[in-house]
Structure formats: C-alpha cells, structure tokens
Amino acid sequence: MLSEHDVQTCESCGARIRWTVTAAGKPMPVDADPAADGNTAVYADGTGRLRSRGLTRERPVLEHAEWLAKPHFATCTNKPARRSSRPGARTRQGVRPTPWRPR
C-alpha cells in the first residue's frame, strides 16, 4: 500500500501526482496511483525518495518493491505550452557567415 504523504496536485490540471527522480537525476511527475498499463517503474530508495526508471528491453519487468506508473506528461489534461530548452534563447537574424577558407 502506498502512503499518501508524498501526493501533490498538478498545477495545470489538478490531478494527483507524485514527484520522482529519474536515473539521470531529473525530476519527473507520475500519476499518484499505480497503473497496470504504465511504462515506468517507481520505487522508494533507502532515504524514502521516489525513484523511477523506464521499462527497457534489458529490464522489462518490475524488480523488488517497484510498482508501475504512468508519467504525468502523458496523462495531463491541461498541458502547459512547450518551453524552449535554453532559457533566454533568441531567434537569429541576419546573414549566416560562410565557413572560413584560407586564401
């Protein structure tokens, strides 16, 4: 049975979510309740932090105390607008310089 202490509400759609940390160290929201058709394995590490990993060809089944979840990105009903990957990115204008060639 999962505890309710780490359940939060999605700011966009109001759904119940849990925040996990991926193998790459990035935060990722998942739906709070387990999903039989999920593609993400979630588990609590030794400190109680939720960790997640995608099911892969090399590790296609759940291990130990993992449970299946769906990433909330896939189920959010009010997705925020996509942001640029670089903060402060600007569009380039003008002439593109030619590659340097010796004379």
N, C-alpha and C. Protein backbone atom coordinates (compact mmCIF):
# COMPACT_ATOMS: atom_id res chain seq x y z
N MET A 1 0.84 -1.19 0.00
CA MET A 1 0.00 0.00 0.00
C MET A 1 0.88 1.24 0.00
N LEU A 2 0.59 2.17 -0.87
CA LEU A 2 1.35 3.40 -0.96
C LEU A 2 0.85 4.42 0.05
N SER A 3 1.78 5.17 0.61
CA SER A 3 1.40 6.21 1.55
C SER A 3 0.94 7.44 0.78
N GLU A 4 0.15 8.26 1.42
CA GLU A 4 -0.39 9.47 0.79
C GLU A 4 0.45 10.71 1.10
N HIS A 5 1.52 10.58 1.87
CA HIS A 5 2.25 11.76 2.32
C HIS A 5 3.00 12.48 1.20
N ASP A 6 3.32 11.79 0.10
CA ASP A 6 4.06 12.45 -0.97
C ASP A 6 3.19 12.80 -2.18
N VAL A 7 1.88 12.68 -2.05
CA VAL A 7 0.97 13.01 -3.14
C VAL A 7 0.77 14.52 -3.19
N GLN A 8 0.89 15.08 -4.40
CA GLN A 8 0.68 16.51 -4.62
C GLN A 8 -0.37 16.68 -5.72
N THR A 9 -0.67 17.92 -6.04
CA THR A 9 -1.65 18.23 -7.08
C THR A 9 -0.94 18.90 -8.25
N CYS A 10 -1.25 18.46 -9.47
CA CYS A 10 -0.70 19.07 -10.67
C CYS A 10 -1.22 20.50 -10.78
N GLU A 11 -0.33 21.45 -11.01
CA GLU A 11 -0.74 22.85 -11.12
C GLU A 11 -1.56 23.12 -12.38
N SER A 12 -1.40 22.30 -13.41
CA SER A 12 -2.12 22.53 -14.67
C SER A 12 -3.52 21.93 -14.68
N CYS A 13 -3.64 20.68 -14.22
CA CYS A 13 -4.93 20.01 -14.36
C CYS A 13 -5.57 19.60 -13.04
N GLY A 14 -4.84 19.69 -11.94
CA GLY A 14 -5.41 19.35 -10.64
C GLY A 14 -5.38 17.88 -10.30
N ALA A 15 -4.76 17.05 -11.13
CA ALA A 15 -4.69 15.61 -10.87
C ALA A 15 -3.70 15.31 -9.74
N ARG A 16 -3.88 14.16 -9.13
CA ARG A 16 -2.96 13.72 -8.07
C ARG A 16 -1.69 13.16 -8.70
N ILE A 17 -0.53 13.66 -8.28
CA ILE A 17 0.74 13.21 -8.82
C ILE A 17 1.74 12.96 -7.69
N ARG A 18 2.80 12.26 -8.03
CA ARG A 18 3.95 12.07 -7.15
C ARG A 18 5.18 12.46 -7.96
N TRP A 19 6.14 13.12 -7.30
CA TRP A 19 7.38 13.50 -7.97
C TRP A 19 8.42 12.42 -7.74
N THR A 20 9.07 11.99 -8.81
CA THR A 20 10.14 11.01 -8.74
C THR A 20 11.42 11.63 -9.29
N VAL A 21 12.51 10.92 -9.09
CA VAL A 21 13.79 11.33 -9.67
C VAL A 21 14.21 10.21 -10.62
N THR A 22 14.53 10.57 -11.86
CA THR A 22 14.91 9.58 -12.86
C THR A 22 16.35 9.13 -12.64
N ALA A 23 16.79 8.14 -13.38
CA ALA A 23 18.17 7.67 -13.30
C ALA A 23 19.15 8.76 -13.70
N ALA A 24 18.70 9.72 -14.52
CA ALA A 24 19.55 10.83 -14.94
C ALA A 24 19.54 11.97 -13.93
N GLY A 25 18.80 11.81 -12.83
CA GLY A 25 18.75 12.84 -11.80
C GLY A 25 17.76 13.95 -12.05
N LYS A 26 16.85 13.76 -13.00
CA LYS A 26 15.86 14.79 -13.34
C LYS A 26 14.54 14.50 -12.62
N PRO A 27 13.84 15.54 -12.18
CA PRO A 27 12.53 15.32 -11.57
C PRO A 27 11.48 14.97 -12.63
N MET A 28 10.60 14.02 -12.30
CA MET A 28 9.56 13.62 -13.24
C MET A 28 8.28 13.31 -12.46
N PRO A 29 7.17 13.95 -12.84
CA PRO A 29 5.91 13.61 -12.17
C PRO A 29 5.31 12.35 -12.77
N VAL A 30 4.73 11.53 -11.89
CA VAL A 30 3.98 10.36 -12.33
C VAL A 30 2.61 10.44 -11.69
N ASP A 31 1.64 9.76 -12.28
CA ASP A 31 0.31 9.71 -11.68
C ASP A 31 0.43 9.04 -10.32
N ALA A 32 -0.33 9.52 -9.34
CA ALA A 32 -0.19 9.07 -7.96
C ALA A 32 -0.58 7.61 -7.77
N ASP A 33 -1.52 7.14 -8.54
CA ASP A 33 -1.99 5.76 -8.37
C ASP A 33 -1.31 4.83 -9.37
N PRO A 34 -1.00 3.60 -8.95
CA PRO A 34 -0.39 2.64 -9.87
C PRO A 34 -1.28 2.41 -11.09
N ALA A 35 -0.63 2.13 -12.23
CA ALA A 35 -1.36 1.91 -13.48
C ALA A 35 -0.90 0.58 -14.08
N ALA A 36 -1.82 -0.31 -14.33
CA ALA A 36 -1.47 -1.62 -14.89
C ALA A 36 -0.86 -1.48 -16.28
N ASP A 37 -1.21 -0.42 -17.00
CA ASP A 37 -0.68 -0.21 -18.36
C ASP A 37 0.45 0.82 -18.37
N GLY A 38 1.06 1.09 -17.23
CA GLY A 38 2.14 2.06 -17.15
C GLY A 38 3.42 1.55 -17.78
N ASN A 39 4.35 2.46 -18.04
CA ASN A 39 5.62 2.08 -18.65
C ASN A 39 6.82 2.56 -17.83
N THR A 40 6.55 2.95 -16.58
CA THR A 40 7.60 3.45 -15.70
C THR A 40 7.56 2.69 -14.39
N ALA A 41 8.73 2.19 -13.97
CA ALA A 41 8.84 1.50 -12.69
C ALA A 41 9.24 2.52 -11.63
N VAL A 42 8.50 2.56 -10.52
CA VAL A 42 8.75 3.52 -9.44
C VAL A 42 9.03 2.74 -8.16
N TYR A 43 9.99 3.22 -7.39
CA TYR A 43 10.31 2.60 -6.10
C TYR A 43 10.86 3.65 -5.16
N ALA A 44 10.80 3.37 -3.87
CA ALA A 44 11.37 4.27 -2.87
C ALA A 44 12.77 3.77 -2.53
N ASP A 45 13.76 4.68 -2.58
CA ASP A 45 15.12 4.28 -2.24
C ASP A 45 15.28 4.23 -0.72
N GLY A 46 16.49 4.02 -0.25
CA GLY A 46 16.75 3.89 1.18
C GLY A 46 16.41 5.12 1.99
N THR A 47 16.38 6.29 1.37
CA THR A 47 16.06 7.53 2.08
C THR A 47 14.58 7.88 1.99
N GLY A 48 13.80 7.08 1.26
CA GLY A 48 12.38 7.34 1.11
C GLY A 48 12.04 8.16 -0.13
N ARG A 49 13.05 8.61 -0.88
CA ARG A 49 12.81 9.37 -2.10
C ARG A 49 12.32 8.43 -3.19
N LEU A 50 11.33 8.89 -3.95
CA LEU A 50 10.82 8.06 -5.05
C LEU A 50 11.75 8.17 -6.25
N ARG A 51 12.12 7.04 -6.78
CA ARG A 51 12.97 6.95 -7.97
C ARG A 51 12.16 6.29 -9.07
N SER A 52 12.51 6.60 -10.32
CA SER A 52 11.79 5.99 -11.44
C SER A 52 12.76 5.60 -12.53
N ARG A 53 12.36 4.60 -13.28
CA ARG A 53 13.11 4.14 -14.44
C ARG A 53 12.13 3.66 -15.48
N GLY A 54 12.48 3.86 -16.72
CA GLY A 54 11.65 3.35 -17.81
C GLY A 54 11.87 1.86 -17.98
N LEU A 55 10.84 1.16 -18.36
CA LEU A 55 10.99 -0.26 -18.65
C LEU A 55 11.68 -0.39 -20.01
N THR A 56 12.76 -1.14 -20.06
CA THR A 56 13.55 -1.28 -21.27
C THR A 56 13.61 -2.73 -21.71
N ARG A 57 14.20 -2.96 -22.85
CA ARG A 57 14.36 -4.32 -23.34
C ARG A 57 15.26 -5.13 -22.39
N GLU A 58 16.27 -4.45 -21.82
CA GLU A 58 17.18 -5.13 -20.90
C GLU A 58 16.54 -5.41 -19.54
N ARG A 59 15.66 -4.52 -19.09
CA ARG A 59 14.97 -4.67 -17.80
C ARG A 59 13.48 -4.43 -18.00
N PRO A 60 12.78 -5.42 -18.60
CA PRO A 60 11.37 -5.21 -18.98
C PRO A 60 10.34 -5.48 -17.88
N VAL A 61 10.76 -6.01 -16.74
CA VAL A 61 9.79 -6.36 -15.69
C VAL A 61 10.12 -5.61 -14.40
N LEU A 62 9.14 -5.58 -13.51
CA LEU A 62 9.34 -4.93 -12.22
C LEU A 62 10.31 -5.73 -11.37
N GLU A 63 11.08 -5.04 -10.56
CA GLU A 63 12.04 -5.68 -9.67
C GLU A 63 11.74 -5.27 -8.23
N HIS A 64 11.87 -6.20 -7.31
CA HIS A 64 11.74 -5.97 -5.88
C HIS A 64 10.45 -5.23 -5.53
N ALA A 65 10.54 -4.03 -4.96
CA ALA A 65 9.37 -3.29 -4.46
C ALA A 65 8.89 -2.23 -5.45
N GLU A 66 9.15 -2.40 -6.74
CA GLU A 66 8.72 -1.42 -7.73
C GLU A 66 7.23 -1.57 -8.03
N TRP A 67 6.63 -0.49 -8.49
CA TRP A 67 5.24 -0.51 -8.95
C TRP A 67 5.15 0.26 -10.26
N LEU A 68 4.17 -0.10 -11.09
CA LEU A 68 4.01 0.53 -12.40
C LEU A 68 3.25 1.84 -12.30
N ALA A 69 3.75 2.83 -13.00
CA ALA A 69 3.10 4.13 -13.04
C ALA A 69 3.16 4.68 -14.45
N LYS A 70 2.32 5.69 -14.70
CA LYS A 70 2.35 6.41 -15.97
C LYS A 70 2.95 7.78 -15.72
N PRO A 71 3.88 8.22 -16.58
CA PRO A 71 4.37 9.60 -16.45
C PRO A 71 3.20 10.57 -16.61
N HIS A 72 3.15 11.59 -15.78
CA HIS A 72 2.02 12.52 -15.84
C HIS A 72 2.03 13.36 -17.11
N PHE A 73 3.19 13.47 -17.76
CA PHE A 73 3.26 14.18 -19.04
C PHE A 73 2.29 13.57 -20.04
N ALA A 74 2.10 12.24 -19.96
CA ALA A 74 1.24 11.55 -20.91
C ALA A 74 -0.24 11.65 -20.58
N THR A 75 -0.57 11.93 -19.32
CA THR A 75 -1.97 11.91 -18.93
C THR A 75 -2.53 13.27 -18.54
N CYS A 76 -1.70 14.30 -18.48
CA CYS A 76 -2.16 15.63 -18.07
C CYS A 76 -3.19 16.15 -19.09
N THR A 77 -4.30 16.61 -18.60
CA THR A 77 -5.36 17.07 -19.48
C THR A 77 -5.22 18.54 -19.86
N ASN A 78 -4.35 19.28 -19.20
CA ASN A 78 -4.16 20.70 -19.47
C ASN A 78 -2.66 20.98 -19.54
N LYS A 79 -2.02 20.44 -20.58
CA LYS A 79 -0.57 20.54 -20.70
C LYS A 79 -0.15 21.99 -20.90
N PRO A 80 0.89 22.42 -20.15
CA PRO A 80 1.39 23.79 -20.37
C PRO A 80 2.08 23.89 -21.73
N ALA A 81 2.21 25.11 -22.22
CA ALA A 81 2.88 25.33 -23.50
C ALA A 81 4.31 24.85 -23.41
N ARG A 82 4.81 24.32 -24.49
CA ARG A 82 6.18 23.81 -24.51
C ARG A 82 7.16 24.98 -24.40
N ARG A 83 8.17 24.78 -23.54
CA ARG A 83 9.15 25.84 -23.33
C ARG A 83 10.40 25.54 -24.12
N SER A 84 11.16 26.58 -24.37
CA SER A 84 12.44 26.43 -25.05
C SER A 84 13.40 25.70 -24.13
N SER A 85 14.28 24.89 -24.68
CA SER A 85 15.22 24.15 -23.86
C SER A 85 16.31 25.06 -23.30
N ARG A 86 16.51 26.20 -23.94
CA ARG A 86 17.52 27.15 -23.46
C ARG A 86 16.82 28.41 -22.96
N PRO A 87 17.01 28.74 -21.68
CA PRO A 87 16.41 29.99 -21.23
C PRO A 87 17.06 31.17 -21.92
N GLY A 88 16.27 32.11 -22.33
CA GLY A 88 16.80 33.30 -22.99
C GLY A 88 17.21 33.06 -24.43
N ALA A 89 16.79 31.93 -25.01
CA ALA A 89 17.15 31.66 -26.40
C ALA A 89 16.49 32.70 -27.31
N ARG A 90 17.19 33.12 -28.31
CA ARG A 90 16.63 34.11 -29.22
C ARG A 90 16.75 33.60 -30.64
N THR A 91 15.91 34.14 -31.50
CA THR A 91 15.98 33.75 -32.90
C THR A 91 17.12 34.52 -33.56
N ARG A 92 17.77 33.87 -34.46
CA ARG A 92 18.89 34.51 -35.15
C ARG A 92 18.38 35.24 -36.37
N GLN A 93 18.97 36.39 -36.60
CA GLN A 93 18.59 37.18 -37.75
C GLN A 93 19.85 37.61 -38.47
N GLY A 94 19.72 37.90 -39.74
CA GLY A 94 20.84 38.42 -40.50
C GLY A 94 21.45 37.37 -41.40
N VAL A 95 22.65 37.64 -41.82
CA VAL A 95 23.35 36.79 -42.78
C VAL A 95 24.15 35.74 -42.04
N ARG A 96 24.07 34.54 -42.52
CA ARG A 96 24.85 33.47 -41.93
C ARG A 96 26.28 33.57 -42.45
N PRO A 97 27.27 33.57 -41.57
CA PRO A 97 28.64 33.67 -42.04
C PRO A 97 29.05 32.42 -42.82
N THR A 98 29.90 32.62 -43.80
CA THR A 98 30.39 31.49 -44.59
C THR A 98 31.53 30.81 -43.85
N PRO A 99 31.76 29.54 -44.12
CA PRO A 99 32.87 28.86 -43.47
C PRO A 99 34.21 29.52 -43.84
N TRP A 100 35.12 29.53 -42.91
CA TRP A 100 36.42 30.12 -43.14
C TRP A 100 37.21 29.30 -44.15
N ARG A 101 37.82 29.96 -45.14
CA ARG A 101 38.65 29.28 -46.11
C ARG A 101 39.97 30.04 -46.24
N PRO A 102 41.08 29.33 -46.22
CA PRO A 102 42.34 30.03 -46.40
C PRO A 102 42.46 30.56 -47.82
N ARG A 103 43.23 31.65 -48.03
CA ARG A 103 43.38 32.22 -49.38
C ARG A 103 44.56 31.65 -50.09
